[in-house]
Amino acid sequence: MASVSAPLRLPCGLVLKNRLIKSAMSEKMAVNDQPTAAHQRLYGRWAQGGWAALITGMYFSHTHCRGPS
């Protein structure tokens, strides 16, 4: 088994510097369904923390949601 600090080559050819990947999650920090400076600080801290990839969630606002056609 490879170490978490070992590089990881993805099928597309991209090489991640290590195997630390933060998956998408709900931060519950939006104000009026909009991201804030707190989001920028949080993702900035994660980026400086050595993660190879930060996967963000999908922006969703119930005011822009459509039901089945």
C-alpha atoms as a PDB file:
ATOM      1  CA  MET A   1       0.000   0.000   0.000  1.00  0.00           C
ATOM      2  CA  ALA A   2       1.338   3.448  -0.940  1.00  0.00           C
ATOM      3  CA  SER A   3       1.952   6.124   1.684  1.00  0.00           C
ATOM      4  CA  VAL A   4      -0.443   9.085   1.850  1.00  0.00           C
ATOM      5  CA  SER A   5       2.561  11.297   1.072  1.00  0.00           C
ATOM      6  CA  ALA A   6       3.267   9.446  -2.197  1.00  0.00           C
ATOM      7  CA  PRO A   7       2.263  11.157  -5.465  1.00  0.00           C
ATOM      8  CA  LEU A   8      -0.858   9.845  -7.181  1.00  0.00           C
ATOM      9  CA  ARG A   9      -1.265   9.717 -10.975  1.00  0.00           C
ATOM     10  CA  LEU A  10      -4.903  10.043 -12.057  1.00  0.00           C
ATOM     11  CA  PRO A  11      -6.225   8.244 -15.171  1.00  0.00           C
ATOM     12  CA  CYS A  12      -6.290  11.598 -17.027  1.00  0.00           C
ATOM     13  CA  GLY A  13      -2.525  11.938 -16.484  1.00  0.00           C
ATOM     14  CA  LEU A  14      -2.657  14.616 -13.764  1.00  0.00           C
ATOM     15  CA  VAL A  15      -0.247  13.855 -10.917  1.00  0.00           C
ATOM     16  CA  LEU A  16      -1.286  14.903  -7.408  1.00  0.00           C
ATOM     17  CA  LYS A  17       1.576  15.704  -5.018  1.00  0.00           C
ATOM     18  CA  ASN A  18       0.138  13.373  -2.358  1.00  0.00           C
ATOM     19  CA  ARG A  19      -3.031  11.387  -1.615  1.00  0.00           C
ATOM     20  CA  LEU A  20      -4.722  13.945   0.658  1.00  0.00           C
ATOM     21  CA  ILE A  21      -8.037  14.932  -0.901  1.00  0.00           C
ATOM     22  CA  LYS A  22     -10.812  16.883   0.812  1.00  0.00           C
ATOM     23  CA  SER A  23     -14.163  15.831  -0.575  1.00  0.00           C
ATOM     24  CA  ALA A  24     -17.129  18.119  -1.110  1.00  0.00           C
ATOM     25  CA  MET A  25     -19.124  19.046   1.967  1.00  0.00           C
ATOM     26  CA  SER A  26     -21.575  21.646   3.152  1.00  0.00           C
ATOM     27  CA  GLU A  27     -19.806  24.349   5.145  1.00  0.00           C
ATOM     28  CA  LYS A  28     -23.120  26.004   6.163  1.00  0.00           C
ATOM     29  CA  MET A  29     -21.472  29.441   5.991  1.00  0.00           C
ATOM     30  CA  ALA A  30     -23.379  31.147   3.167  1.00  0.00           C
ATOM     31  CA  VAL A  31     -25.264  34.368   3.788  1.00  0.00           C
ATOM     32  CA  ASN A  32     -28.391  34.827   1.684  1.00  0.00           C
ATOM     33  CA  ASP A  33     -27.311  31.800  -0.395  1.00  0.00           C
ATOM     34  CA  GLN A  34     -24.015  33.516  -1.299  1.00  0.00           C
ATOM     35  CA  PRO A  35     -20.429  32.593  -0.388  1.00  0.00           C
ATOM     36  CA  THR A  36     -18.657  34.962   1.985  1.00  0.00           C
ATOM     37  CA  ALA A  37     -15.120  36.022   2.885  1.00  0.00           C
ATOM     38  CA  ALA A  38     -15.240  33.213   5.456  1.00  0.00           C
ATOM     39  CA  HIS A  39     -15.362  30.695   2.594  1.00  0.00           C
ATOM     40  CA  GLN A  40     -12.280  32.283   1.039  1.00  0.00           C
ATOM     41  CA  ARG A  41     -10.379  32.132   4.350  1.00  0.00           C
ATOM     42  CA  LEU A  42     -11.417  28.521   4.991  1.00  0.00           C
ATOM     43  CA  TYR A  43     -10.449  27.237   1.537  1.00  0.00           C
ATOM     44  CA  GLY A  44      -7.250  29.291   1.741  1.00  0.00           C
ATOM     45  CA  ARG A  45      -6.301  27.551   4.996  1.00  0.00           C
ATOM     46  CA  TRP A  46      -7.039  24.163   3.467  1.00  0.00           C
ATOM     47  CA  ALA A  47      -4.948  25.015   0.396  1.00  0.00           C
ATOM     48  CA  GLN A  48      -2.003  26.032   2.599  1.00  0.00           C
ATOM     49  CA  GLY A  49      -2.373  22.843   4.633  1.00  0.00           C
ATOM     50  CA  GLY A  50      -0.761  20.602   2.022  1.00  0.00           C
ATOM     51  CA  TRP A  51      -3.857  18.969   0.535  1.00  0.00           C
ATOM     52  CA  ALA A  52      -3.338  17.662  -3.008  1.00  0.00           C
ATOM     53  CA  ALA A  53      -6.928  18.458  -4.043  1.00  0.00           C
ATOM     54  CA  LEU A  54      -9.869  20.354  -2.602  1.00  0.00           C
ATOM     55  CA  ILE A  55     -13.158  19.245  -4.124  1.00  0.00           C
ATOM     56  CA  THR A  56     -15.806  21.892  -3.692  1.00  0.00           C
ATOM     57  CA  GLY A  57     -19.518  21.266  -3.481  1.00  0.00           C
ATOM     58  CA  MET A  58     -22.066  22.376  -5.996  1.00  0.00           C
ATOM     59  CA  TYR A  59     -23.567  25.793  -5.415  1.00  0.00           C
ATOM     60  CA  PHE A  60     -27.287  25.307  -4.860  1.00  0.00           C
ATOM     61  CA  SER A  61     -29.965  27.824  -4.218  1.00  0.00           C
ATOM     62  CA  HIS A  62     -33.582  26.768  -3.841  1.00  0.00           C
ATOM     63  CA  THR A  63     -34.570  29.966  -5.670  1.00  0.00           C
ATOM     64  CA  HIS A  64     -32.877  28.648  -8.814  1.00  0.00           C
ATOM     65  CA  CYS A  65     -34.106  25.072  -8.588  1.00  0.00           C
ATOM     66  CA  ARG A  66     -36.331  23.577 -11.261  1.00  0.00           C
ATOM     67  CA  GLY A  67     -38.429  20.501 -10.855  1.00  0.00           C
ATOM     68  CA  PRO A  68     -38.968  17.773 -13.443  1.00  0.00           C
ATOM     69  CA  SER A  69     -40.243  18.952 -16.813  1.00  0.00           C
END
